[in-house]
Structures are given as structure tokens and as C-alpha cells.
């Protein structure tokens, strides 16, 4: 028995649709996913951190080090990704001979903040609700650059935009903060300064 040509053509069309639809659908879904990832990447890359106290990749003035007043520098950042619920800041020195030295941990900074003023107090909890962790010297708050004499060290100011608060208590360590931030980072900005005695 021979099927009519019209029926055969209909079978072919149905077959091609059945085979092609999942591929086209998955391709479109993949395209949407990539577009979403691109949007997130653009949001993450758009976060910028600067300071009125020193230029990027330049020397940190003595005022902000152990040779001076040892006060924290002024920091400023632009608008974060839309879903940001808080910020965290980590300042460390990877050039230290005995491993990375943590100079400052401050977290649960309110989402509407656009910077930190110079000379943040060394209280475990600030008036705006921000919390401060323990630096490598076992103290709360900012501890300025103080490298061995004769060596240039680089100080990394790393700002994180998070989709939640950390739920940490004050005096947290860097590993505790990093664990609390895992899976919640929407964007990151970095500022590097240098110092030598």
C-alpha cells in the first residue's frame, strides 16, 4: 500500500518538528542563560573602588601606616549590582614573609553606603550597623601597613557586594568572613596601594 504524497510530506514535517524543537528550545534557553551571565558579569565588573587618600597602584601616605597616625584611608565606591544587600571589605598584604597579613575586616556595611570615611573607629560595631573583624594582630578594626624595612609591600583593598548580610558576629576572622560570603558575591572591586619604610 502506497501512502499519498501529501501524507508523507505531513509525516516528514511532524518528524522534523519533533526532532528540531528540543534543540531549538535548548539553544534558546542556553542563549538566555548566557545573556543573564553576561548581565551579571557586567554588573560585577561595573563596581569600582577608589580612595581620596591615595591613588591606585601608588604609595600609601605615612598617615595611614604604623609610621604615622595609623588611621584608615577614605574609600569610595559607585553603585553596586541592584540585588546588593550589604558590602564587605578585606584589606590584606600578600607580600608578608610569613604569609598573608590581614589589616582590616569590615562587613555588613549597609547596601546604601557609598564609601567609608577616613579614620573609621576601631569599635566592633559601628553606628550604621557595620561590624569589624580581627586583623592579623588580633585587634579589631584597621591596622595600617607596617612591613619590614627596605621592602615594598602591596596592600589589597577588596570590596565585595553581597546579596545578603553575613550573619556573623563582630570579631570574625578572615576565613570565617570568606566562608560567610561564599555563594553570595554579586560583584567585587579592588584597589591596591604600596608602602615601604
C-alpha atoms as a PDB file:
ATOM      1  CA  UNK A   1       0.000   0.000   0.000  1.00  0.00           C
ATOM      2  CA  UNK A   2       1.426   3.360  -1.011  1.00  0.00           C
ATOM      3  CA  UNK A   3       0.760   6.403   1.172  1.00  0.00           C
ATOM      4  CA  UNK A   4      -0.369   9.590  -0.567  1.00  0.00           C
ATOM      5  CA  UNK A   5       2.402  12.114  -1.145  1.00  0.00           C
ATOM      6  CA  UNK A   6       0.599  14.711   0.976  1.00  0.00           C
ATOM      7  CA  UNK A   7       0.535  12.320   3.951  1.00  0.00           C
ATOM      8  CA  UNK A   8       4.220  11.508   3.540  1.00  0.00           C
ATOM      9  CA  UNK A   9       5.023  15.203   3.437  1.00  0.00           C
ATOM     10  CA  UNK A  10       2.990  15.702   6.631  1.00  0.00           C
ATOM     11  CA  UNK A  11       4.901  12.892   8.397  1.00  0.00           C
ATOM     12  CA  UNK A  12       8.206  14.462   7.363  1.00  0.00           C
ATOM     13  CA  UNK A  13       7.139  17.869   8.698  1.00  0.00           C
ATOM     14  CA  UNK A  14       5.998  16.382  12.030  1.00  0.00           C
ATOM     15  CA  UNK A  15       9.236  14.377  12.316  1.00  0.00           C
ATOM     16  CA  UNK A  16      11.439  17.390  11.644  1.00  0.00           C
ATOM     17  CA  UNK A  17       9.470  19.485  14.127  1.00  0.00           C
ATOM     18  CA  UNK A  18       9.736  16.766  16.795  1.00  0.00           C
ATOM     19  CA  UNK A  19      13.496  16.427  16.297  1.00  0.00           C
ATOM     20  CA  UNK A  20      14.253  20.125  15.868  1.00  0.00           C
ATOM     21  CA  UNK A  21      12.079  21.619  18.627  1.00  0.00           C
ATOM     22  CA  UNK A  22      14.080  20.356  21.651  1.00  0.00           C
ATOM     23  CA  UNK A  23      17.328  21.522  20.045  1.00  0.00           C
ATOM     24  CA  UNK A  24      15.954  24.951  19.224  1.00  0.00           C
ATOM     25  CA  UNK A  25      14.395  25.242  22.686  1.00  0.00           C
ATOM     26  CA  UNK A  26      17.606  24.245  24.478  1.00  0.00           C
ATOM     27  CA  UNK A  27      19.607  26.584  22.260  1.00  0.00           C
ATOM     28  CA  UNK A  28      17.290  29.464  23.137  1.00  0.00           C
ATOM     29  CA  UNK A  29      17.482  28.580  26.840  1.00  0.00           C
ATOM     30  CA  UNK A  30      21.278  28.472  26.646  1.00  0.00           C
ATOM     31  CA  UNK A  31      21.204  31.855  24.936  1.00  0.00           C
ATOM     32  CA  UNK A  32      19.070  33.301  27.733  1.00  0.00           C
ATOM     33  CA  UNK A  33      21.402  31.808  30.346  1.00  0.00           C
ATOM     34  CA  UNK A  34      24.458  33.311  28.654  1.00  0.00           C
ATOM     35  CA  UNK A  35      22.695  36.656  28.401  1.00  0.00           C
ATOM     36  CA  UNK A  36      21.923  36.509  32.127  1.00  0.00           C
ATOM     37  CA  UNK A  37      25.534  35.600  32.899  1.00  0.00           C
ATOM     38  CA  UNK A  38      26.714  38.496  30.751  1.00  0.00           C
ATOM     39  CA  UNK A  39      24.427  40.857  32.663  1.00  0.00           C
ATOM     40  CA  UNK A  40      25.755  39.598  35.992  1.00  0.00           C
ATOM     41  CA  UNK A  41      29.322  39.885  34.743  1.00  0.00           C
ATOM     42  CA  UNK A  42      28.728  43.436  33.576  1.00  0.00           C
ATOM     43  CA  UNK A  43      27.180  44.276  36.957  1.00  0.00           C
ATOM     44  CA  UNK A  44      30.122  42.708  38.773  1.00  0.00           C
ATOM     45  CA  UNK A  45      32.670  44.460  36.567  1.00  0.00           C
ATOM     46  CA  UNK A  46      30.946  47.837  36.962  1.00  0.00           C
ATOM     47  CA  UNK A  47      31.708  48.062  40.703  1.00  0.00           C
ATOM     48  CA  UNK A  48      34.690  50.364  41.244  1.00  0.00           C
ATOM     49  CA  UNK A  49      36.641  51.250  44.391  1.00  0.00           C
ATOM     50  CA  UNK A  50      38.769  54.372  44.828  1.00  0.00           C
ATOM     51  CA  UNK A  51      40.278  56.485  47.572  1.00  0.00           C
ATOM     52  CA  UNK A  52      40.696  60.198  48.202  1.00  0.00           C
ATOM     53  CA  UNK A  53      43.649  59.281  50.412  1.00  0.00           C
ATOM     54  CA  UNK A  54      45.897  57.662  47.792  1.00  0.00           C
ATOM     55  CA  UNK A  55      45.967  56.869  44.085  1.00  0.00           C
ATOM     56  CA  UNK A  56      45.565  53.347  42.717  1.00  0.00           C
ATOM     57  CA  UNK A  57      48.898  51.486  42.492  1.00  0.00           C
ATOM     58  CA  UNK A  58      50.646  54.391  44.208  1.00  0.00           C
ATOM     59  CA  UNK A  59      52.269  54.878  47.604  1.00  0.00           C
ATOM     60  CA  UNK A  60      50.031  54.951  50.673  1.00  0.00           C
ATOM     61  CA  UNK A  61      50.794  58.128  52.666  1.00  0.00           C
ATOM     62  CA  UNK A  62      52.532  57.673  56.015  1.00  0.00           C
ATOM     63  CA  UNK A  63      49.452  58.963  57.848  1.00  0.00           C
ATOM     64  CA  UNK A  64      47.680  55.657  57.162  1.00  0.00           C
ATOM     65  CA  UNK A  65      50.565  53.444  58.330  1.00  0.00           C
ATOM     66  CA  UNK A  66      52.299  52.461  61.548  1.00  0.00           C
ATOM     67  CA  UNK A  67      54.816  55.268  60.899  1.00  0.00           C
ATOM     68  CA  UNK A  68      52.022  57.840  61.166  1.00  0.00           C
ATOM     69  CA  UNK A  69      48.573  58.091  62.742  1.00  0.00           C
ATOM     70  CA  UNK A  70      47.603  54.557  61.653  1.00  0.00           C
ATOM     71  CA  UNK A  71      44.107  55.669  60.646  1.00  0.00           C
ATOM     72  CA  UNK A  72      42.100  54.068  57.858  1.00  0.00           C
ATOM     73  CA  UNK A  73      42.052  55.861  54.496  1.00  0.00           C
ATOM     74  CA  UNK A  74      38.894  57.274  52.943  1.00  0.00           C
ATOM     75  CA  UNK A  75      37.272  54.877  50.470  1.00  0.00           C
ATOM     76  CA  UNK A  76      34.607  55.485  47.855  1.00  0.00           C
ATOM     77  CA  UNK A  77      32.645  53.181  45.566  1.00  0.00           C
ATOM     78  CA  UNK A  78      29.974  53.564  42.915  1.00  0.00           C
ATOM     79  CA  UNK A  79      26.530  51.994  42.641  1.00  0.00           C
ATOM     80  CA  UNK A  80      26.612  48.213  43.193  1.00  0.00           C
ATOM     81  CA  UNK A  81      24.597  45.483  41.437  1.00  0.00           C
ATOM     82  CA  UNK A  82      20.833  46.005  42.075  1.00  0.00           C
ATOM     83  CA  UNK A  83      20.371  42.990  44.384  1.00  0.00           C
ATOM     84  CA  UNK A  84      23.115  44.096  46.807  1.00  0.00           C
ATOM     85  CA  UNK A  85      22.101  43.771  50.469  1.00  0.00           C
ATOM     86  CA  UNK A  86      25.461  44.551  52.107  1.00  0.00           C
ATOM     87  CA  UNK A  87      29.168  45.118  51.499  1.00  0.00           C
ATOM     88  CA  UNK A  88      32.287  43.573  52.987  1.00  0.00           C
ATOM     89  CA  UNK A  89      35.840  44.896  52.846  1.00  0.00           C
ATOM     90  CA  UNK A  90      39.034  42.893  53.255  1.00  0.00           C
ATOM     91  CA  UNK A  91      42.435  44.593  53.352  1.00  0.00           C
ATOM     92  CA  UNK A  92      45.478  42.356  53.299  1.00  0.00           C
ATOM     93  CA  UNK A  93      49.161  42.166  52.385  1.00  0.00           C
ATOM     94  CA  UNK A  94      50.190  39.067  50.407  1.00  0.00           C
ATOM     95  CA  UNK A  95      53.870  40.133  50.371  1.00  0.00           C
ATOM     96  CA  UNK A  96      54.422  39.412  54.060  1.00  0.00           C
ATOM     97  CA  UNK A  97      57.256  36.879  54.563  1.00  0.00           C
ATOM     98  CA  UNK A  98      55.244  34.629  56.889  1.00  0.00           C
ATOM     99  CA  UNK A  99      52.026  34.526  54.852  1.00  0.00           C
ATOM    100  CA  UNK A 100      49.211  36.938  54.102  1.00  0.00           C
ATOM    101  CA  UNK A 101      48.725  39.616  56.767  1.00  0.00           C
ATOM    102  CA  UNK A 102      45.148  40.831  57.284  1.00  0.00           C
ATOM    103  CA  UNK A 103      44.969  44.550  58.056  1.00  0.00           C
ATOM    104  CA  UNK A 104      41.224  45.146  58.125  1.00  0.00           C
ATOM    105  CA  UNK A 105      37.935  43.257  58.011  1.00  0.00           C
ATOM    106  CA  UNK A 106      34.667  45.161  57.948  1.00  0.00           C
ATOM    107  CA  UNK A 107      31.366  43.567  56.923  1.00  0.00           C
ATOM    108  CA  UNK A 108      27.583  44.018  56.922  1.00  0.00           C
ATOM    109  CA  UNK A 109      28.187  47.523  55.598  1.00  0.00           C
ATOM    110  CA  UNK A 110      24.709  48.822  54.605  1.00  0.00           C
ATOM    111  CA  UNK A 111      23.745  48.453  50.944  1.00  0.00           C
ATOM    112  CA  UNK A 112      23.087  52.197  50.605  1.00  0.00           C
ATOM    113  CA  UNK A 113      26.649  53.087  51.676  1.00  0.00           C
ATOM    114  CA  UNK A 114      28.938  54.560  49.023  1.00  0.00           C
ATOM    115  CA  UNK A 115      32.150  54.670  50.996  1.00  0.00           C
ATOM    116  CA  UNK A 116      33.959  54.754  54.316  1.00  0.00           C
ATOM    117  CA  UNK A 117      35.199  57.974  55.829  1.00  0.00           C
ATOM    118  CA  UNK A 118      38.805  58.431  56.864  1.00  0.00           C
ATOM    119  CA  UNK A 119      39.625  57.238  60.362  1.00  0.00           C
ATOM    120  CA  UNK A 120      36.897  54.650  60.949  1.00  0.00           C
ATOM    121  CA  UNK A 121      36.749  53.986  64.693  1.00  0.00           C
ATOM    122  CA  UNK A 122      38.105  50.675  65.933  1.00  0.00           C
ATOM    123  CA  UNK A 123      34.826  49.634  67.549  1.00  0.00           C
ATOM    124  CA  UNK A 124      33.490  46.142  66.898  1.00  0.00           C
ATOM    125  CA  UNK A 125      30.124  47.598  65.823  1.00  0.00           C
ATOM    126  CA  UNK A 126      29.745  50.953  64.085  1.00  0.00           C
ATOM    127  CA  UNK A 127      26.772  53.312  64.268  1.00  0.00           C
ATOM    128  CA  UNK A 128      25.492  52.271  60.831  1.00  0.00           C
ATOM    129  CA  UNK A 129      25.475  48.587  61.851  1.00  0.00           C
ATOM    130  CA  UNK A 130      28.748  47.641  60.147  1.00  0.00           C
ATOM    131  CA  UNK A 131      30.784  45.062  62.028  1.00  0.00           C
ATOM    132  CA  UNK A 132      34.552  44.735  62.250  1.00  0.00           C
ATOM    133  CA  UNK A 133      36.614  41.576  62.466  1.00  0.00           C
ATOM    134  CA  UNK A 134      40.011  40.664  63.868  1.00  0.00           C
ATOM    135  CA  UNK A 135      43.115  41.596  61.926  1.00  0.00           C
ATOM    136  CA  UNK A 136      46.327  39.552  61.982  1.00  0.00           C
ATOM    137  CA  UNK A 137      47.475  41.457  65.071  1.00  0.00           C
ATOM    138  CA  UNK A 138      44.474  40.161  66.994  1.00  0.00           C
ATOM    139  CA  UNK A 139      42.894  43.603  67.157  1.00  0.00           C
ATOM    140  CA  UNK A 140      39.567  44.988  65.969  1.00  0.00           C
ATOM    141  CA  UNK A 141      39.470  47.417  63.066  1.00  0.00           C
ATOM    142  CA  UNK A 142      42.098  48.894  60.814  1.00  0.00           C
ATOM    143  CA  UNK A 143      45.802  48.242  61.295  1.00  0.00           C
ATOM    144  CA  UNK A 144      47.920  50.132  58.782  1.00  0.00           C
ATOM    145  CA  UNK A 145      50.860  48.959  56.673  1.00  0.00           C
ATOM    146  CA  UNK A 146      53.971  48.155  58.701  1.00  0.00           C
ATOM    147  CA  UNK A 147      56.287  45.987  56.578  1.00  0.00           C
ATOM    148  CA  UNK A 148      59.906  45.132  57.330  1.00  0.00           C
ATOM    149  CA  UNK A 149      62.282  47.965  56.431  1.00  0.00           C
ATOM    150  CA  UNK A 150      63.574  48.060  52.887  1.00  0.00           C
ATOM    151  CA  UNK A 151      60.820  46.032  51.225  1.00  0.00           C
ATOM    152  CA  UNK A 152      57.932  47.367  49.145  1.00  0.00           C
ATOM    153  CA  UNK A 153      54.654  45.683  50.084  1.00  0.00           C
ATOM    154  CA  UNK A 154      51.342  45.795  48.222  1.00  0.00           C
ATOM    155  CA  UNK A 155      48.103  46.320  50.132  1.00  0.00           C
ATOM    156  CA  UNK A 156      44.922  44.981  48.560  1.00  0.00           C
ATOM    157  CA  UNK A 157      41.657  46.733  49.452  1.00  0.00           C
ATOM    158  CA  UNK A 158      38.959  44.308  48.264  1.00  0.00           C
ATOM    159  CA  UNK A 159      35.311  45.349  48.317  1.00  0.00           C
ATOM    160  CA  UNK A 160      32.555  42.748  47.900  1.00  0.00           C
ATOM    161  CA  UNK A 161      28.901  43.422  47.075  1.00  0.00           C
ATOM    162  CA  UNK A 162      26.796  40.661  48.653  1.00  0.00           C
ATOM    163  CA  UNK A 163      23.215  39.506  48.121  1.00  0.00           C
ATOM    164  CA  UNK A 164      22.696  39.131  51.895  1.00  0.00           C
ATOM    165  CA  UNK A 165      24.207  40.084  55.241  1.00  0.00           C
ATOM    166  CA  UNK A 166      26.839  37.723  56.624  1.00  0.00           C
ATOM    167  CA  UNK A 167      25.048  36.874  59.909  1.00  0.00           C
ATOM    168  CA  UNK A 168      28.471  36.894  61.548  1.00  0.00           C
ATOM    169  CA  UNK A 169      29.151  38.360  64.957  1.00  0.00           C
ATOM    170  CA  UNK A 170      31.811  41.033  65.470  1.00  0.00           C
ATOM    171  CA  UNK A 171      35.471  39.911  65.722  1.00  0.00           C
ATOM    172  CA  UNK A 172      35.187  37.384  62.878  1.00  0.00           C
ATOM    173  CA  UNK A 173      38.353  36.094  61.242  1.00  0.00           C
ATOM    174  CA  UNK A 174      39.136  36.295  57.534  1.00  0.00           C
ATOM    175  CA  UNK A 175      38.375  32.568  56.960  1.00  0.00           C
ATOM    176  CA  UNK A 176      35.023  32.992  58.731  1.00  0.00           C
ATOM    177  CA  UNK A 177      34.167  36.005  56.585  1.00  0.00           C
ATOM    178  CA  UNK A 178      35.208  34.248  53.376  1.00  0.00           C
ATOM    179  CA  UNK A 179      33.042  31.267  54.284  1.00  0.00           C
ATOM    180  CA  UNK A 180      30.058  33.515  55.034  1.00  0.00           C
ATOM    181  CA  UNK A 181      30.472  35.289  51.674  1.00  0.00           C
ATOM    182  CA  UNK A 182      30.710  32.086  49.642  1.00  0.00           C
ATOM    183  CA  UNK A 183      27.890  31.931  47.085  1.00  0.00           C
ATOM    184  CA  UNK A 184      26.721  35.471  47.900  1.00  0.00           C
ATOM    185  CA  UNK A 185      29.162  37.670  45.956  1.00  0.00           C
ATOM    186  CA  UNK A 186      27.453  39.787  43.300  1.00  0.00           C
ATOM    187  CA  UNK A 187      30.423  41.996  42.493  1.00  0.00           C
ATOM    188  CA  UNK A 188      33.978  42.766  43.537  1.00  0.00           C
ATOM    189  CA  UNK A 189      36.222  45.808  43.246  1.00  0.00           C
ATOM    190  CA  UNK A 190      39.866  46.143  44.170  1.00  0.00           C
ATOM    191  CA  UNK A 191      42.263  48.970  44.976  1.00  0.00           C
ATOM    192  CA  UNK A 192      45.983  48.394  45.504  1.00  0.00           C
ATOM    193  CA  UNK A 193      48.385  50.665  47.355  1.00  0.00           C
ATOM    194  CA  UNK A 194      52.105  50.332  48.082  1.00  0.00           C
ATOM    195  CA  UNK A 195      54.213  51.144  51.117  1.00  0.00           C
ATOM    196  CA  UNK A 196      57.810  50.852  52.277  1.00  0.00           C
ATOM    197  CA  UNK A 197      59.631  52.418  55.204  1.00  0.00           C
END
